[in-house]
C-alpha atoms as a PDB file:
ATOM      1  CA  MET A   1      -0.310  13.918  21.033  1.00  0.00           C
ATOM      2  CA  SER A   2      -1.698  14.504  24.499  1.00  0.00           C
ATOM      3  CA  ILE A   3      -0.765  10.986  25.599  1.00  0.00           C
ATOM      4  CA  GLY A   4       2.806  11.582  24.431  1.00  0.00           C
ATOM      5  CA  LEU A   5       2.884  14.889  26.330  1.00  0.00           C
ATOM      6  CA  LEU A   6       1.567  13.204  29.453  1.00  0.00           C
ATOM      7  CA  MET A   7       4.020  10.310  29.215  1.00  0.00           C
ATOM      8  CA  GLY A   8       6.979  12.588  28.592  1.00  0.00           C
ATOM      9  CA  SER A   9       6.254  15.048  31.353  1.00  0.00           C
ATOM     10  CA  GLN A  10       5.136  12.624  34.077  1.00  0.00           C
ATOM     11  CA  PRO A  11       7.892  10.074  34.696  1.00  0.00           C
ATOM     12  CA  GLY A  12       7.080   7.285  37.054  1.00  0.00           C
ATOM     13  CA  TRP A  13       4.049   5.034  37.195  1.00  0.00           C
ATOM     14  CA  VAL A  14       2.024   7.160  34.713  1.00  0.00           C
ATOM     15  CA  ASP A  15       4.756   6.863  32.087  1.00  0.00           C
ATOM     16  CA  ARG A  16       5.336   3.163  32.764  1.00  0.00           C
ATOM     17  CA  GLY A  17       1.629   2.280  32.661  1.00  0.00           C
ATOM     18  CA  LEU A  18       0.952   4.178  29.459  1.00  0.00           C
ATOM     19  CA  GLN A  19       4.153   2.820  27.940  1.00  0.00           C
ATOM     20  CA  ILE A  20       2.974  -0.761  28.525  1.00  0.00           C
ATOM     21  CA  ILE A  21      -0.371  -0.014  26.873  1.00  0.00           C
ATOM     22  CA  LEU A  22       1.333   1.804  24.023  1.00  0.00           C
ATOM     23  CA  GLN A  23       3.818  -0.987  23.353  1.00  0.00           C
ATOM     24  CA  SER A  24       1.141  -3.675  23.450  1.00  0.00           C
ATOM     25  CA  ILE A  25      -0.811  -1.785  20.774  1.00  0.00           C
ATOM     26  CA  TRP A  26       2.298  -0.824  18.785  1.00  0.00           C
ATOM     27  CA  VAL A  27       3.441  -4.437  18.283  1.00  0.00           C
ATOM     28  CA  VAL A  28       0.511  -5.138  15.990  1.00  0.00           C
ATOM     29  CA  PRO A  29       0.964  -3.546  12.545  1.00  0.00           C
ATOM     30  CA  ALA A  30      -1.285  -0.578  11.749  1.00  0.00           C
ATOM     31  CA  ILE A  31      -2.792  -2.254   8.691  1.00  0.00           C
ATOM     32  CA  LEU A  32      -3.894  -5.204  10.837  1.00  0.00           C
ATOM     33  CA  TRP A  33      -5.514  -2.899  13.444  1.00  0.00           C
ATOM     34  CA  ALA A  34      -7.230  -0.981  10.671  1.00  0.00           C
ATOM     35  CA  SER A  35      -8.441  -4.215   9.056  1.00  0.00           C
ATOM     36  CA  ILE A  36      -9.866  -5.516  12.316  1.00  0.00           C
ATOM     37  CA  LEU A  37     -11.615  -2.238  13.138  1.00  0.00           C
ATOM     38  CA  ALA A  38     -12.956  -1.842   9.586  1.00  0.00           C
ATOM     39  CA  PHE A  39     -14.250  -5.424   9.615  1.00  0.00           C
ATOM     40  CA  ILE A  40     -16.010  -4.935  12.956  1.00  0.00           C
ATOM     41  CA  GLY A  41     -17.385  -1.463  12.188  1.00  0.00           C
ATOM     42  CA  GLY A  42     -18.521  -1.995   8.626  1.00  0.00           C
ATOM     43  CA  ARG A  43     -17.825  -0.219   5.370  1.00  0.00           C
ATOM     44  CA  ASN A  44     -18.605   3.441   6.069  1.00  0.00           C
ATOM     45  CA  LEU A  45     -16.507   6.593   6.103  1.00  0.00           C
ATOM     46  CA  LEU A  46     -16.528   7.122   9.867  1.00  0.00           C
ATOM     47  CA  THR A  47     -15.386   3.558  10.545  1.00  0.00           C
ATOM     48  CA  ILE A  48     -12.565   3.789   8.008  1.00  0.00           C
ATOM     49  CA  LEU A  49     -11.378   7.126   9.441  1.00  0.00           C
ATOM     50  CA  LEU A  50     -11.487   5.760  12.995  1.00  0.00           C
ATOM     51  CA  ALA A  51      -9.754   2.550  11.964  1.00  0.00           C
ATOM     52  CA  ILE A  52      -6.903   4.423  10.325  1.00  0.00           C
ATOM     53  CA  GLY A  53      -6.615   7.008  13.106  1.00  0.00           C
ATOM     54  CA  LEU A  54      -6.742   4.530  15.964  1.00  0.00           C
ATOM     55  CA  SER A  55      -4.184   2.290  14.303  1.00  0.00           C
ATOM     56  CA  MET A  56      -1.591   5.038  13.849  1.00  0.00           C
ATOM     57  CA  TRP A  57      -1.521   7.115  17.055  1.00  0.00           C
ATOM     58  CA  THR A  58       1.146   5.048  18.806  1.00  0.00           C
ATOM     59  CA  GLU A  59       4.054   6.202  16.649  1.00  0.00           C
ATOM     60  CA  THR A  60       3.205   9.858  17.230  1.00  0.00           C
ATOM     61  CA  ALA A  61       2.803   9.311  20.971  1.00  0.00           C
ATOM     62  CA  ARG A  62       6.198   7.597  21.220  1.00  0.00           C
ATOM     63  CA  LEU A  63       7.937  10.347  19.262  1.00  0.00           C
ATOM     64  CA  ILE A  64       6.378  13.140  21.304  1.00  0.00           C
ATOM     65  CA  ARG A  65       7.159  11.311  24.550  1.00  0.00           C
ATOM     66  CA  VAL A  66      10.846  11.148  23.681  1.00  0.00           C
ATOM     67  CA  GLU A  67      11.012  14.810  22.686  1.00  0.00           C
ATOM     68  CA  VAL A  68       9.116  15.989  25.780  1.00  0.00           C
ATOM     69  CA  ARG A  69      11.436  13.946  28.005  1.00  0.00           C
ATOM     70  CA  ARG A  70      14.385  15.649  26.323  1.00  0.00           C
ATOM     71  CA  LEU A  71      12.842  19.113  26.561  1.00  0.00           C
ATOM     72  CA  TRP A  72      11.755  18.643  30.180  1.00  0.00           C
ATOM     73  CA  GLY A  73      15.414  18.742  31.227  1.00  0.00           C
ATOM     74  CA  GLU A  74      16.336  21.789  29.132  1.00  0.00           C
ATOM     75  CA  PRO A  75      17.348  24.968  30.995  1.00  0.00           C
ATOM     76  CA  PHE A  76      14.399  27.046  29.758  1.00  0.00           C
ATOM     77  CA  VAL A  77      11.908  24.501  31.113  1.00  0.00           C
ATOM     78  CA  GLU A  78      13.862  24.146  34.353  1.00  0.00           C
ATOM     79  CA  ALA A  79      13.729  27.935  34.714  1.00  0.00           C
ATOM     80  CA  ALA A  80       9.969  27.937  34.141  1.00  0.00           C
ATOM     81  CA  LYS A  81       9.540  25.228  36.787  1.00  0.00           C
ATOM     82  CA  ALA A  82      11.786  27.158  39.189  1.00  0.00           C
ATOM     83  CA  LEU A  83       9.613  30.249  38.708  1.00  0.00           C
ATOM     84  CA  GLY A  84       6.634  28.180  39.799  1.00  0.00           C
ATOM     85  CA  LEU A  85       4.747  28.302  36.505  1.00  0.00           C
ATOM     86  CA  PRO A  86       1.838  25.857  36.321  1.00  0.00           C
ATOM     87  CA  TYR A  87       2.250  22.626  34.385  1.00  0.00           C
ATOM     88  CA  LEU A  88      -0.250  23.633  31.696  1.00  0.00           C
ATOM     89  CA  ARG A  89       1.486  26.951  31.047  1.00  0.00           C
ATOM     90  CA  ILE A  90       4.882  25.246  30.740  1.00  0.00           C
ATOM     91  CA  VAL A  91       3.448  22.797  28.219  1.00  0.00           C
ATOM     92  CA  LEU A  92       1.536  25.420  26.217  1.00  0.00           C
ATOM     93  CA  ARG A  93       4.187  28.167  26.220  1.00  0.00           C
ATOM     94  CA  HIS A  94       7.469  26.269  26.276  1.00  0.00           C
ATOM     95  CA  ILE A  95       7.030  22.674  25.094  1.00  0.00           C
ATOM     96  CA  ILE A  96       4.453  22.777  22.291  1.00  0.00           C
ATOM     97  CA  PRO A  97       6.077  25.648  20.331  1.00  0.00           C
ATOM     98  CA  VAL A  98       9.319  23.663  20.182  1.00  0.00           C
ATOM     99  CA  LEU A  99       7.421  20.535  19.111  1.00  0.00           C
ATOM    100  CA  THR A 100       5.450  22.257  16.318  1.00  0.00           C
ATOM    101  CA  PRO A 101       7.862  21.501  13.417  1.00  0.00           C
ATOM    102  CA  LEU A 102       8.173  17.911  14.592  1.00  0.00           C
ATOM    103  CA  ILE A 103       4.387  17.569  14.805  1.00  0.00           C
ATOM    104  CA  ARG A 104       4.016  18.928  11.251  1.00  0.00           C
ATOM    105  CA  ILE A 105       6.470  16.387   9.885  1.00  0.00           C
ATOM    106  CA  GLN A 106       4.825  13.566  11.831  1.00  0.00           C
ATOM    107  CA  PHE A 107       1.411  14.624  10.512  1.00  0.00           C
ATOM    108  CA  LEU A 108       2.609  14.482   6.910  1.00  0.00           C
ATOM    109  CA  GLN A 109       4.209  11.079   7.417  1.00  0.00           C
ATOM    110  CA  ALA A 110       1.063   9.770   9.096  1.00  0.00           C
ATOM    111  CA  PHE A 111      -1.022  11.186   6.239  1.00  0.00           C
ATOM    112  CA  ALA A 112       1.059   9.315   3.658  1.00  0.00           C
ATOM    113  CA  THR A 113       0.802   6.127   5.709  1.00  0.00           C
ATOM    114  CA  ALA A 114      -2.965   6.614   6.028  1.00  0.00           C
ATOM    115  CA  ILE A 115      -3.234   6.809   2.233  1.00  0.00           C
ATOM    116  CA  LEU A 116      -1.404   3.480   1.946  1.00  0.00           C
ATOM    117  CA  ILE A 117      -3.523   1.871   4.671  1.00  0.00           C
ATOM    118  CA  GLU A 118      -6.749   2.999   3.006  1.00  0.00           C
ATOM    119  CA  ALA A 119      -5.513   1.647  -0.328  1.00  0.00           C
ATOM    120  CA  GLY A 120      -4.677  -1.645   1.388  1.00  0.00           C
ATOM    121  CA  LEU A 121      -8.123  -1.800   2.982  1.00  0.00           C
ATOM    122  CA  GLY A 122      -9.695  -1.057  -0.391  1.00  0.00           C
ATOM    123  CA  PHE A 123      -7.612  -3.754  -2.071  1.00  0.00           C
ATOM    124  CA  VAL A 124      -8.838  -6.429   0.346  1.00  0.00           C
ATOM    125  CA  GLY A 125     -12.442  -5.165   0.232  1.00  0.00           C
ATOM    126  CA  LEU A 126     -12.685  -3.507   3.653  1.00  0.00           C
ATOM    127  CA  SER A 127     -12.835   0.101   2.457  1.00  0.00           C
ATOM    128  CA  LEU A 128     -15.879   2.080   1.386  1.00  0.00           C
ATOM    129  CA  GLY A 129     -18.463   0.284  -0.701  1.00  0.00           C
ATOM    130  CA  PRO A 130     -20.008   1.430  -3.975  1.00  0.00           C
ATOM    131  CA  PRO A 131     -20.569   4.118  -5.212  1.00  0.00           C
ATOM    132  CA  ALA A 132     -17.388   5.356  -3.493  1.00  0.00           C
ATOM    133  CA  THR A 133     -14.050   4.244  -4.835  1.00  0.00           C
ATOM    134  CA  SER A 134     -10.435   4.232  -3.741  1.00  0.00           C
ATOM    135  CA  LEU A 135      -7.071   3.500  -5.264  1.00  0.00           C
ATOM    136  CA  GLY A 136      -7.049   0.115  -3.552  1.00  0.00           C
ATOM    137  CA  ILE A 137     -10.357  -0.834  -5.177  1.00  0.00           C
ATOM    138  CA  LEU A 138      -9.059   0.340  -8.554  1.00  0.00           C
ATOM    139  CA  LEU A 139      -5.923  -1.767  -8.119  1.00  0.00           C
ATOM    140  CA  PHE A 140      -7.990  -4.801  -7.106  1.00  0.00           C
ATOM    141  CA  GLU A 141     -10.262  -4.439 -10.131  1.00  0.00           C
ATOM    142  CA  ALA A 142      -7.227  -4.036 -12.401  1.00  0.00           C
ATOM    143  CA  VAL A 143      -5.846  -7.382 -11.249  1.00  0.00           C
ATOM    144  CA  GLY A 144      -8.847  -9.122 -12.789  1.00  0.00           C
ATOM    145  CA  TRP A 145      -8.387  -7.303 -16.081  1.00  0.00           C
ATOM    146  CA  LEU A 146      -4.616  -7.620 -16.517  1.00  0.00           C
ATOM    147  CA  VAL A 147      -4.975  -9.637 -19.738  1.00  0.00           C
ATOM    148  CA  LEU A 148      -6.709  -6.694 -21.439  1.00  0.00           C
ATOM    149  CA  PRO A 149      -4.947  -3.433 -22.317  1.00  0.00           C
ATOM    150  CA  GLN A 150      -7.621  -1.436 -20.441  1.00  0.00           C
ATOM    151  CA  GLY A 151      -6.956  -3.402 -17.267  1.00  0.00           C
ATOM    152  CA  GLN A 152      -3.233  -2.912 -17.611  1.00  0.00           C
ATOM    153  CA  PHE A 153      -3.740   0.826 -18.061  1.00  0.00           C
ATOM    154  CA  GLN A 154      -6.044   0.970 -15.012  1.00  0.00           C
ATOM    155  CA  GLY A 155      -3.535  -0.916 -12.865  1.00  0.00           C
ATOM    156  CA  ILE A 156      -0.597   1.192 -13.990  1.00  0.00           C
ATOM    157  CA  ALA A 157      -2.530   4.446 -13.625  1.00  0.00           C
ATOM    158  CA  ALA A 158      -3.841   3.592 -10.156  1.00  0.00           C
ATOM    159  CA  GLY A 159      -0.421   2.363  -9.031  1.00  0.00           C
ATOM    160  CA  LEU A 160       1.338   5.464 -10.339  1.00  0.00           C
ATOM    161  CA  LEU A 161      -1.267   7.729  -8.765  1.00  0.00           C
ATOM    162  CA  LEU A 162      -0.937   5.973  -5.407  1.00  0.00           C
ATOM    163  CA  GLY A 163       2.852   5.984  -5.526  1.00  0.00           C
ATOM    164  CA  GLY A 164       2.992   9.573  -6.769  1.00  0.00           C
ATOM    165  CA  THR A 165       0.636  10.818  -4.070  1.00  0.00           C
ATOM    166  CA  VAL A 166       2.589   9.126  -1.291  1.00  0.00           C
ATOM    167  CA  PHE A 167       5.881  10.332  -2.774  1.00  0.00           C
ATOM    168  CA  ALA A 168       4.574  13.909  -2.963  1.00  0.00           C
ATOM    169  CA  VAL A 169       3.417  13.871   0.654  1.00  0.00           C
ATOM    170  CA  TYR A 170       6.719  12.378   1.829  1.00  0.00           C
ATOM    171  CA  SER A 171       8.578  15.019  -0.197  1.00  0.00           C
ATOM    172  CA  LEU A 172       6.787  17.717   1.779  1.00  0.00           C
ATOM    173  CA  THR A 173       8.293  16.301   4.965  1.00  0.00           C
ATOM    174  CA  GLY A 174      11.737  17.108   3.602  1.00  0.00           C
ATOM    175  CA  TYR A 175      10.888  20.803   3.550  1.00  0.00           C
ATOM    176  CA  GLY A 176       9.707  20.633   7.148  1.00  0.00           C
ATOM    177  CA  ARG A 177      12.915  18.972   8.288  1.00  0.00           C
ATOM    178  CA  HIS A 178      14.917  22.043   7.334  1.00  0.00           C
ATOM    179  CA  SER A 179      13.073  23.970  10.044  1.00  0.00           C
ATOM    180  CA  LEU A 180      14.246  21.441  12.649  1.00  0.00           C
ATOM    181  CA  GLY A 181      17.819  22.523  12.108  1.00  0.00           C
END
């Protein structure tokens, strides 16, 4: 979020430099970044959380950058700048409150995507090891047991739980969009 705020409020070489870094990271899919980081860091909770978090920050930064650029030209921000308010006060009192609903929606969408990425990492064996489990591991184990009714039930149950969880989280974003107007 702070990188998006910085990029949006500081046009010029700061924005261009961070935009180049952001775009070079953004071109690689999040699941690939997460896979690489999970492979390098090992199968522990901290590594998985870092892999998912570091692979998904670019979308949020781009969205916040665009909104801050838009807000930076609004009359209420221009008035605050004309009054000589410090940069930090303008950001904290005028920009962030307007961004709050957008940040909530982005958080929920990122959370749903993180669930899918973790399930993907678990499916390919890069998630947490035993005794921990994940929906991806359950789906992977179900593939081997598809000929048996128990395996079919496990695959269907894990798939429905994964799909239902992601659907529920995405549905919450719809309620947040009403507050955007």
